[in-house]
Amino acid sequence: MSLETPGSPTTTRSPGSEQASKTTIRKAIYAGSVGNFVEQFDYGLYGYMAPIMAASFFPNGDSAAAVLSSYAVLAVACFFRPLGGTLIGRWGDRVGRKKALLWTIVMMGVSTALIGALPSYAQIGFLAPLLLVVIRTFQGIISGGEYVGAVAFIVEWAHPNKRAYYTSYASNSCFLGILCGAAVAALVSAVFPAEQLASWGWRVPFLAVLPLSLVGLWLRSRIGETPEFMRETDGGSKPVKAPIREALREQWQPILVFCGASIMLAILSYIWVTYYPQYLVNSLGLSRAQALSSNLISVAVLMPLLPLAGKLSDRIGRKPMLISGALACIGLVPLAFAIGEQGTFSAALFGQLVYIIPEFFLTGIVTTCSAELFATRTRFSASAIAYNSSFSIFMGVTPFVAALLVTRFGTIYAVWAYLAAAAVLALFVITVFMKETYRSDLGDDKFA
């Protein structure tokens, strides 16, 4: 099938999506997004609390080594996301998106709460970091299928002309989770004295995730399977018996394209939300409250802009947005860092407001592409392979790599060079290999 050209007056609609009421689509957005919120709340909370948690799980001594160890645990867990993505993705393509997502939301809540209940290094010695690694690894496996499944769920419910707009709310749920994780980290840091915070206060927000996940379970139980998945299964074709194998055989081109295009966003986002606040404290001398507050404000500014980015992309396409974002990564991020180097709260905030410009062009659009690039029969599996082979791994390693680069070279611009290399790769992949997917039929192989 040939894709429509930009500006084409007609579009292909997924059967069933035309009939979905605004109320139903709203429920689908809530149900899909709540898991992303829980996942990123945990990720943001862990990232912000890592310097405080480090003393609980690692031997006393070199505090910098303990913090790096905490980030390394995060990176190790993300390496297992491809495994989880393939397992859960296979399930999602075989039995449906809803059933897979009901299971992932509960498991994420349980595993996050377990971190809050773990004994410390002082209590059980080296078993403490070992158990932390085991739990974070399990979280990585579950998270590997959660995000891509939620995005597929929303995209398959959405009107074809509004897919990026609706999916922007899934992206916003991630930032809202990070925002709330940072806010809770700041709150407990302010409420608890330093000694109590280090010993047990940091545990409270992790334990609070369990009831939150039960709310997510309730939301997901109140909406049915997506019209697009039902069309595939009710139209006479049975679910794919081996979706992983078929995805790798039939969808290898879009998988590689997505990997090449998405790495830059993983690096861009997780430098910003997990590493940069700590850099402001350790290298530029801001207080933890100032660093977290500047980061929170910049995240809050970006959130209402993402639906606008989605609407723009639904008008002009995915490729123009992604190319603009890649160029902004190369040209504007060093400017953002230069502003922040002045070492004041206002400079840190203004620098991060510049930093969110490439986020505007990339965040929701990469998210939408993670579903649109793949045919319905293997969408969950193929997108899980693609997303977790690139975005998830670089999401995990970026805070560690950034800390290592600054330690080794003594400048934040080494981190920009790391990002710029990924942006150059993305520009090449997007301009040469990527096909436009906006307004395309979800059921078709875009690279056939």
Protein backbone atom coordinates (compact mmCIF):
# COMPACT_ATOMS: atom_id res chain seq x y z
CA MET A 1 0.00 0.00 0.00
CA SER A 2 1.32 3.45 -0.83
CA LEU A 3 1.19 6.00 1.91
CA GLU A 4 -0.77 9.19 1.44
CA THR A 5 1.22 12.30 0.84
CA PRO A 6 1.16 15.19 3.30
CA GLY A 7 -1.92 17.28 2.87
CA SER A 8 -3.97 14.44 1.44
CA PRO A 9 -7.64 15.25 2.04
CA THR A 10 -8.70 11.68 2.71
CA THR A 11 -7.57 9.23 5.32
CA THR A 12 -7.99 5.57 6.11
CA ARG A 13 -9.92 4.87 9.27
CA SER A 14 -9.56 1.84 11.46
CA PRO A 15 -12.95 0.14 11.69
CA GLY A 16 -14.38 0.68 15.12
CA SER A 17 -12.36 3.79 15.89
CA GLU A 18 -14.97 5.86 14.04
CA GLN A 19 -17.65 4.59 16.41
CA ALA A 20 -15.74 5.08 19.64
CA SER A 21 -17.22 7.91 21.67
CA LYS A 22 -15.11 10.64 23.18
CA THR A 23 -15.88 9.15 26.59
CA THR A 24 -14.57 5.75 25.52
CA ILE A 25 -11.41 7.23 24.02
CA ARG A 26 -10.89 9.22 27.21
CA LYS A 27 -11.15 6.00 29.22
CA ALA A 28 -8.66 4.37 26.86
CA ILE A 29 -6.20 7.22 27.39
CA TYR A 30 -6.56 7.00 31.17
CA ALA A 31 -6.26 3.21 31.16
CA GLY A 32 -3.22 3.22 28.91
CA SER A 33 -1.48 6.12 30.60
CA VAL A 34 -1.80 5.08 34.23
CA GLY A 35 0.80 2.34 33.87
CA ASN A 36 3.22 4.77 32.26
CA PHE A 37 2.67 7.08 35.21
CA VAL A 38 3.45 4.34 37.73
CA GLU A 39 6.53 3.23 35.79
CA GLN A 40 7.98 6.71 35.45
CA PHE A 41 7.04 7.70 39.00
CA ASP A 42 9.21 4.82 40.15
CA TYR A 43 11.97 5.65 37.65
CA GLY A 44 11.99 9.35 38.53
CA LEU A 45 11.79 8.62 42.24
CA TYR A 46 14.69 6.20 42.02
CA GLY A 47 16.74 8.62 39.95
CA TYR A 48 16.17 11.53 42.33
CA MET A 49 16.56 9.46 45.50
CA ALA A 50 19.60 7.44 44.33
CA PRO A 51 22.14 9.64 46.17
CA ILE A 52 20.13 9.18 49.39
CA MET A 53 19.34 5.49 48.91
CA ALA A 54 22.95 4.65 48.10
CA ALA A 55 23.95 4.64 51.78
CA SER A 56 21.25 2.05 52.56
CA PHE A 57 22.36 -0.52 49.99
CA PHE A 58 26.08 -0.03 49.48
CA PRO A 59 29.08 0.00 51.86
CA ASN A 60 30.04 3.27 53.51
CA GLY A 61 33.11 4.97 52.09
CA ASP A 62 33.26 6.59 48.69
CA SER A 63 29.91 8.37 48.27
CA ALA A 64 30.52 9.02 44.56
CA ALA A 65 31.09 5.29 43.99
CA ALA A 66 27.89 4.49 45.88
CA VAL A 67 25.86 6.89 43.71
CA LEU A 68 27.41 5.45 40.54
CA SER A 69 26.53 1.98 41.84
CA SER A 70 22.91 3.07 42.30
CA TYR A 71 22.78 4.34 38.71
CA ALA A 72 24.46 1.14 37.54
CA VAL A 73 21.65 -0.90 39.12
CA LEU A 74 19.21 1.18 37.09
CA ALA A 75 21.17 0.49 33.93
CA VAL A 76 21.39 -3.26 34.59
CA ALA A 77 17.61 -3.43 35.04
CA CYS A 78 17.05 -1.68 31.72
CA PHE A 79 19.16 -4.28 29.92
CA PHE A 80 16.46 -6.83 30.79
CA ARG A 81 13.67 -4.76 29.25
CA PRO A 82 14.10 -6.36 25.80
CA LEU A 83 13.48 -9.77 27.38
CA GLY A 84 10.34 -8.52 29.10
CA GLY A 85 9.20 -6.74 25.98
CA THR A 86 9.43 -9.88 23.87
CA LEU A 87 7.62 -12.03 26.46
CA ILE A 88 4.83 -9.56 27.20
CA GLY A 89 4.66 -8.40 23.57
CA ARG A 90 4.09 -11.97 22.44
CA TRP A 91 1.31 -12.29 24.97
CA GLY A 92 -0.24 -9.00 23.90
CA ASP A 93 -0.32 -10.05 20.25
CA ARG A 94 -1.72 -13.49 21.12
CA VAL A 95 -4.43 -12.74 23.71
CA GLY A 96 -4.92 -8.99 23.43
CA ARG A 97 -3.55 -5.71 24.70
CA LYS A 98 -5.91 -5.41 27.66
CA LYS A 99 -5.06 -8.74 29.31
CA ALA A 100 -1.33 -8.07 29.09
CA LEU A 101 -1.69 -4.57 30.53
CA LEU A 102 -3.83 -5.73 33.46
CA TRP A 103 -1.00 -7.97 34.57
CA THR A 104 1.84 -5.47 34.10
CA ILE A 105 0.25 -2.71 36.23
CA VAL A 106 -0.05 -5.00 39.26
CA MET A 107 3.47 -6.39 38.96
CA MET A 108 4.99 -2.92 38.70
CA GLY A 109 3.23 -1.80 41.87
CA VAL A 110 4.32 -4.87 43.82
CA SER A 111 7.96 -4.67 42.75
CA THR A 112 8.24 -0.94 43.49
CA ALA A 113 6.75 -1.46 46.95
CA LEU A 114 9.27 -4.25 47.59
CA ILE A 115 12.14 -1.78 47.11
CA GLY A 116 10.70 0.28 49.95
CA ALA A 117 10.64 -2.82 52.17
CA LEU A 118 14.16 -4.10 51.43
CA PRO A 119 16.56 -4.51 54.39
CA SER A 120 19.64 -2.31 54.33
CA TYR A 121 23.30 -3.20 53.84
CA ALA A 122 23.84 -2.73 57.57
CA GLN A 123 21.22 -5.40 58.25
CA ILE A 124 21.98 -8.13 55.70
CA GLY A 125 25.26 -7.12 54.08
CA PHE A 126 25.82 -7.85 50.41
CA LEU A 127 22.38 -9.43 50.11
CA ALA A 128 20.94 -5.90 50.17
CA PRO A 129 22.41 -4.71 46.84
CA LEU A 130 21.86 -8.18 45.39
CA LEU A 131 18.14 -8.10 46.20
CA LEU A 132 17.94 -4.55 44.87
CA VAL A 133 19.39 -5.74 41.56
CA VAL A 134 16.97 -8.69 41.44
CA ILE A 135 13.92 -6.48 42.03
CA ARG A 136 15.06 -3.79 39.58
CA THR A 137 15.69 -6.54 37.02
CA PHE A 138 12.16 -7.86 37.49
CA GLN A 139 10.88 -4.30 37.09
CA GLY A 140 12.86 -4.00 33.88
CA ILE A 141 11.23 -7.16 32.54
CA ILE A 142 7.73 -5.89 33.35
CA SER A 143 8.40 -2.35 32.10
CA GLY A 144 9.66 -3.77 28.82
CA GLY A 145 6.09 -4.56 27.84
CA GLU A 146 4.16 -1.88 29.72
CA TYR A 147 4.96 1.29 27.80
CA VAL A 148 4.77 -0.05 24.26
CA GLY A 149 1.61 -1.95 25.11
CA ALA A 150 -0.02 1.17 26.51
CA VAL A 151 0.94 3.20 23.44
CA ALA A 152 -0.41 0.51 21.10
CA PHE A 153 -3.61 0.44 23.18
CA ILE A 154 -4.15 4.20 22.82
CA VAL A 155 -3.15 4.39 19.15
CA GLU A 156 -5.50 1.54 18.26
CA TRP A 157 -8.39 3.35 19.93
CA ALA A 158 -7.58 6.76 18.42
CA HIS A 159 -9.05 8.45 15.35
CA PRO A 160 -6.47 8.19 12.51
CA ASN A 161 -6.21 11.99 12.21
CA LYS A 162 -5.56 12.43 15.94
CA ARG A 163 -3.17 9.63 16.83
CA ALA A 164 -0.24 11.85 17.81
CA TYR A 165 -2.56 14.17 19.73
CA TYR A 166 -4.05 11.34 21.81
CA THR A 167 -0.70 9.63 22.25
CA SER A 168 0.74 12.89 23.60
CA TYR A 169 -1.21 12.16 26.76
CA ALA A 170 0.68 8.89 27.16
CA SER A 171 3.91 10.89 26.92
CA ASN A 172 2.50 13.39 29.40
CA SER A 173 1.70 10.59 31.83
CA CYS A 174 5.40 9.70 31.79
CA PHE A 175 6.42 13.28 32.54
CA LEU A 176 3.69 13.54 35.14
CA GLY A 177 5.09 10.42 36.77
CA ILE A 178 8.59 11.88 36.75
CA LEU A 179 7.20 15.20 37.99
CA CYS A 180 5.39 13.52 40.86
CA GLY A 181 8.44 11.39 41.61
CA ALA A 182 10.56 14.52 41.85
CA ALA A 183 7.90 16.35 43.86
CA VAL A 184 7.60 13.50 46.33
CA ALA A 185 11.40 13.26 46.57
CA ALA A 186 11.54 16.98 47.33
CA LEU A 187 8.69 16.68 49.82
CA VAL A 188 10.18 13.83 51.82
CA SER A 189 13.56 15.58 51.70
CA ALA A 190 11.94 18.64 53.27
CA VAL A 191 9.74 16.79 55.78
CA PHE A 192 12.24 14.31 57.19
CA PRO A 193 15.43 15.32 58.98
CA ALA A 194 18.55 14.17 57.11
CA GLU A 195 19.17 11.23 59.44
CA GLN A 196 15.60 9.91 59.20
CA LEU A 197 15.51 10.47 55.45
CA ALA A 198 18.66 8.39 54.97
CA SER A 199 17.54 5.58 57.29
CA TRP A 200 13.85 5.08 56.43
CA GLY A 201 12.13 8.22 55.12
CA TRP A 202 13.10 7.53 51.50
CA ARG A 203 11.13 4.26 51.68
CA VAL A 204 7.70 5.87 52.15
CA PRO A 205 7.03 6.94 48.53
CA PHE A 206 8.09 3.53 47.18
CA LEU A 207 5.56 1.80 49.43
CA ALA A 208 2.85 4.24 48.33
CA VAL A 209 3.03 2.97 44.71
CA LEU A 210 1.18 -0.27 45.54
CA PRO A 211 -2.26 1.29 46.16
CA LEU A 212 -1.67 3.51 43.13
CA SER A 213 -1.23 0.46 40.94
CA LEU A 214 -4.55 -0.93 42.20
CA VAL A 215 -6.24 2.24 40.95
CA GLY A 216 -4.62 1.56 37.58
CA LEU A 217 -5.92 -2.00 37.61
CA TRP A 218 -9.44 -0.69 38.19
CA LEU A 219 -9.16 1.79 35.31
CA ARG A 220 -7.93 -0.86 32.90
CA SER A 221 -10.63 -3.31 33.89
CA ARG A 222 -13.35 -0.83 32.87
CA ILE A 223 -12.58 -0.70 29.13
CA GLY A 224 -12.61 -3.37 26.47
CA GLU A 225 -10.08 -4.56 23.92
CA THR A 226 -9.03 -2.14 21.16
CA PRO A 227 -11.15 -1.97 17.97
CA GLU A 228 -8.05 -2.51 15.83
CA PHE A 229 -7.08 -5.75 17.59
CA MET A 230 -10.70 -6.95 17.47
CA ARG A 231 -10.85 -6.18 13.75
CA GLU A 232 -7.77 -8.34 13.16
CA THR A 233 -9.08 -11.28 15.17
CA ASP A 234 -12.77 -11.02 14.24
CA GLY A 235 -12.07 -10.57 10.55
CA GLY A 236 -11.24 -14.22 10.05
CA SER A 237 -7.50 -14.10 10.79
CA LYS A 238 -6.36 -15.79 13.97
CA PRO A 239 -3.73 -14.21 16.23
CA VAL A 240 -0.18 -14.89 15.11
CA LYS A 241 1.15 -18.11 16.65
CA ALA A 242 4.74 -16.86 16.80
CA PRO A 243 4.57 -13.04 16.77
CA ILE A 244 8.21 -12.60 17.80
CA ARG A 245 9.45 -14.71 14.92
CA GLU A 246 7.12 -13.01 12.44
CA ALA A 247 8.08 -9.56 13.74
CA LEU A 248 11.78 -10.27 13.26
CA ARG A 249 11.20 -11.79 9.81
CA GLU A 250 8.66 -9.32 8.41
CA GLN A 251 9.23 -6.13 10.42
CA TRP A 252 13.01 -5.99 10.75
CA GLN A 253 13.26 -2.81 8.65
CA PRO A 254 10.94 -0.64 10.78
CA ILE A 255 12.52 -2.12 13.91
CA LEU A 256 15.96 -0.89 12.80
CA VAL A 257 14.55 2.46 11.69
CA PHE A 258 12.88 3.04 15.03
CA CYS A 259 16.06 2.09 16.89
CA GLY A 260 18.13 4.56 14.90
CA ALA A 261 15.61 7.35 15.30
CA SER A 262 14.80 6.95 19.00
CA ILE A 263 18.17 6.66 20.74
CA MET A 264 18.61 10.43 20.73
CA LEU A 265 15.35 10.96 22.64
CA ALA A 266 16.32 8.42 25.29
CA ILE A 267 19.64 10.19 25.84
CA LEU A 268 18.05 13.67 25.69
CA SER A 269 15.28 12.88 28.18
CA TYR A 270 17.24 10.95 30.77
CA ILE A 271 20.14 13.37 30.87
CA TRP A 272 17.54 15.97 31.74
CA VAL A 273 15.32 14.23 34.27
CA THR A 274 17.75 11.95 36.11
CA TYR A 275 21.32 13.18 35.69
CA TYR A 276 21.17 16.97 35.26
CA PRO A 277 19.60 17.82 38.66
CA GLN A 278 22.40 15.91 40.37
CA TYR A 279 24.96 17.71 38.18
CA LEU A 280 23.54 21.05 39.32
CA VAL A 281 24.12 20.01 42.93
CA ASN A 282 27.49 18.30 42.65
CA SER A 283 29.22 20.46 40.03
CA LEU A 284 27.50 23.84 40.12
CA GLY A 285 26.77 24.14 43.82
CA LEU A 286 22.99 24.52 43.78
CA SER A 287 21.07 23.14 46.73
CA ARG A 288 19.12 19.93 46.15
CA ALA A 289 15.87 21.87 46.55
CA GLN A 290 16.93 24.41 43.88
CA ALA A 291 18.06 21.71 41.46
CA LEU A 292 14.87 19.67 41.82
CA SER A 293 12.65 22.76 41.68
CA SER A 294 14.21 24.04 38.44
CA ASN A 295 13.78 20.59 36.91
CA LEU A 296 10.18 20.31 38.09
CA ILE A 297 9.25 23.68 36.63
CA SER A 298 10.75 22.87 33.24
CA VAL A 299 8.91 19.52 33.14
CA ALA A 300 5.67 21.29 34.08
CA VAL A 301 6.18 23.82 31.26
CA LEU A 302 6.69 21.06 28.68
CA MET A 303 3.59 19.06 29.56
CA PRO A 304 0.89 21.37 28.14
CA LEU A 305 3.03 21.85 25.02
CA LEU A 306 3.04 18.15 24.08
CA PRO A 307 -0.61 18.00 22.92
CA LEU A 308 0.18 21.00 20.71
CA ALA A 309 3.14 19.09 19.29
CA GLY A 310 0.82 16.14 18.66
CA LYS A 311 -1.68 18.33 16.80
CA LEU A 312 1.12 19.83 14.73
CA SER A 313 2.45 16.40 13.81
CA ASP A 314 -1.04 15.22 12.86
CA ARG A 315 -1.05 18.09 10.36
CA ILE A 316 2.46 18.01 8.91
CA GLY A 317 3.65 14.45 9.58
CA ARG A 318 6.13 12.64 11.78
CA LYS A 319 9.35 13.12 9.80
CA PRO A 320 9.43 16.96 9.85
CA MET A 321 9.01 16.91 13.64
CA LEU A 322 11.73 14.33 14.17
CA ILE A 323 14.20 16.12 11.89
CA SER A 324 13.55 19.41 13.70
CA GLY A 325 14.11 17.70 17.04
CA ALA A 326 17.41 16.17 15.94
CA LEU A 327 18.70 19.53 14.73
CA ALA A 328 17.62 21.11 18.03
CA CYS A 329 19.55 18.45 19.95
CA ILE A 330 22.69 19.43 18.09
CA GLY A 331 22.22 23.20 18.15
CA LEU A 332 20.29 24.09 21.30
CA VAL A 333 21.43 21.65 23.98
CA PRO A 334 24.96 23.16 24.25
CA LEU A 335 23.31 26.57 24.57
CA ALA A 336 21.13 25.21 27.39
CA PHE A 337 24.20 23.84 29.16
CA ALA A 338 26.09 27.13 28.71
CA ILE A 339 23.26 29.06 30.35
CA GLY A 340 23.10 26.62 33.26
CA GLU A 341 26.85 26.87 33.86
CA GLN A 342 26.34 30.27 35.51
CA GLY A 343 25.42 28.30 38.61
CA THR A 344 22.31 30.18 39.76
CA PHE A 345 18.75 28.96 40.14
CA SER A 346 17.44 31.29 37.42
CA ALA A 347 20.20 30.18 35.04
CA ALA A 348 19.46 26.52 35.74
CA LEU A 349 15.77 27.09 35.07
CA PHE A 350 16.27 29.14 31.90
CA GLY A 351 18.78 26.65 30.56
CA GLN A 352 16.30 23.82 31.03
CA LEU A 353 13.55 25.82 29.32
CA VAL A 354 15.83 25.98 26.28
CA TYR A 355 16.52 22.26 26.72
CA ILE A 356 12.84 21.35 26.34
CA ILE A 357 12.66 22.71 22.76
CA PRO A 358 14.00 19.46 21.23
CA GLU A 359 11.79 17.57 23.69
CA PHE A 360 8.78 19.36 22.16
CA PHE A 361 9.59 18.05 18.68
CA LEU A 362 10.55 14.52 19.68
CA THR A 363 8.77 13.19 22.74
CA GLY A 364 5.22 12.47 21.61
CA ILE A 365 6.22 11.82 18.02
CA VAL A 366 8.72 9.06 18.81
CA THR A 367 6.03 7.58 21.06
CA THR A 368 3.48 7.56 18.24
CA CYS A 369 5.96 6.06 15.79
CA SER A 370 6.58 3.18 18.18
CA ALA A 371 3.08 1.98 17.26
CA GLU A 372 2.49 3.39 13.77
CA LEU A 373 5.58 1.85 12.17
CA PHE A 374 4.31 -1.69 12.75
CA ALA A 375 1.36 -3.74 11.46
CA THR A 376 -1.38 -4.73 13.91
CA ARG A 377 -0.71 -8.47 13.82
CA THR A 378 2.69 -8.06 15.44
CA ARG A 379 2.52 -4.47 16.71
CA PHE A 380 3.02 -5.28 20.40
CA SER A 381 5.93 -7.66 19.76
CA ALA A 382 7.67 -5.61 17.08
CA SER A 383 7.36 -2.32 18.96
CA ALA A 384 8.58 -3.99 22.16
CA ILE A 385 11.66 -5.31 20.37
CA ALA A 386 12.36 -1.94 18.75
CA TYR A 387 11.66 0.25 21.76
CA ASN A 388 13.55 -1.88 24.25
CA SER A 389 16.52 -2.52 21.98
CA SER A 390 17.17 1.20 21.73
CA PHE A 391 15.20 3.55 23.93
CA SER A 392 15.05 1.43 27.07
CA ILE A 393 18.71 0.44 27.07
CA PHE A 394 19.92 4.00 26.49
CA MET A 395 17.40 5.26 29.03
CA GLY A 396 19.06 3.06 31.61
CA VAL A 397 22.70 3.66 30.75
CA THR A 398 22.51 7.42 30.12
CA PRO A 399 22.62 8.67 33.75
CA PHE A 400 25.61 6.39 34.39
CA VAL A 401 27.37 7.34 31.14
CA ALA A 402 26.73 11.05 31.76
CA ALA A 403 28.19 10.86 35.27
CA LEU A 404 31.18 8.94 33.93
CA LEU A 405 31.80 11.42 31.08
CA VAL A 406 31.73 14.43 33.39
CA THR A 407 34.03 12.66 35.85
CA ARG A 408 36.44 11.71 33.06
CA PHE A 409 36.48 14.95 31.03
CA GLY A 410 35.43 17.49 33.64
CA THR A 411 32.83 19.19 31.45
CA ILE A 412 29.12 18.84 30.72
CA TYR A 413 29.84 19.33 27.02
CA ALA A 414 31.16 15.77 26.89
CA VAL A 415 27.57 14.73 27.60
CA TRP A 416 26.38 16.93 24.73
CA ALA A 417 28.85 15.21 22.38
CA TYR A 418 27.31 11.87 23.40
CA LEU A 419 23.83 13.22 22.57
CA ALA A 420 24.97 14.88 19.32
CA ALA A 421 26.38 11.60 18.01
CA ALA A 422 22.98 9.97 18.54
CA ALA A 423 21.22 12.93 16.86
CA VAL A 424 23.45 12.69 13.77
CA LEU A 425 22.63 8.97 13.52
CA ALA A 426 18.93 9.78 13.85
CA LEU A 427 19.08 12.42 11.11
CA PHE A 428 20.61 9.92 8.72
CA VAL A 429 18.09 7.18 9.51
CA ILE A 430 15.03 9.47 9.38
CA THR A 431 15.92 11.22 6.14
CA VAL A 432 17.15 8.14 4.27
CA PHE A 433 15.15 5.17 5.53
CA MET A 434 12.04 6.28 7.41
CA LYS A 435 8.67 6.32 5.65
CA GLU A 436 5.96 8.77 6.67
CA THR A 437 3.31 7.04 8.78
CA TYR A 438 0.81 9.71 9.76
CA ARG A 439 -2.70 9.02 8.44
CA SER A 440 -1.65 5.54 7.32
CA ASP A 441 -3.72 2.41 7.92
CA LEU A 442 -2.61 0.73 11.14
CA GLY A 443 -3.16 -2.73 9.72
CA ASP A 444 -0.61 -2.42 6.91
CA ASP A 445 3.09 -3.15 6.86
CA LYS A 446 4.58 0.30 6.22
CA PHE A 447 7.73 -1.21 4.66
CA ALA A 448 6.13 -3.86 2.47
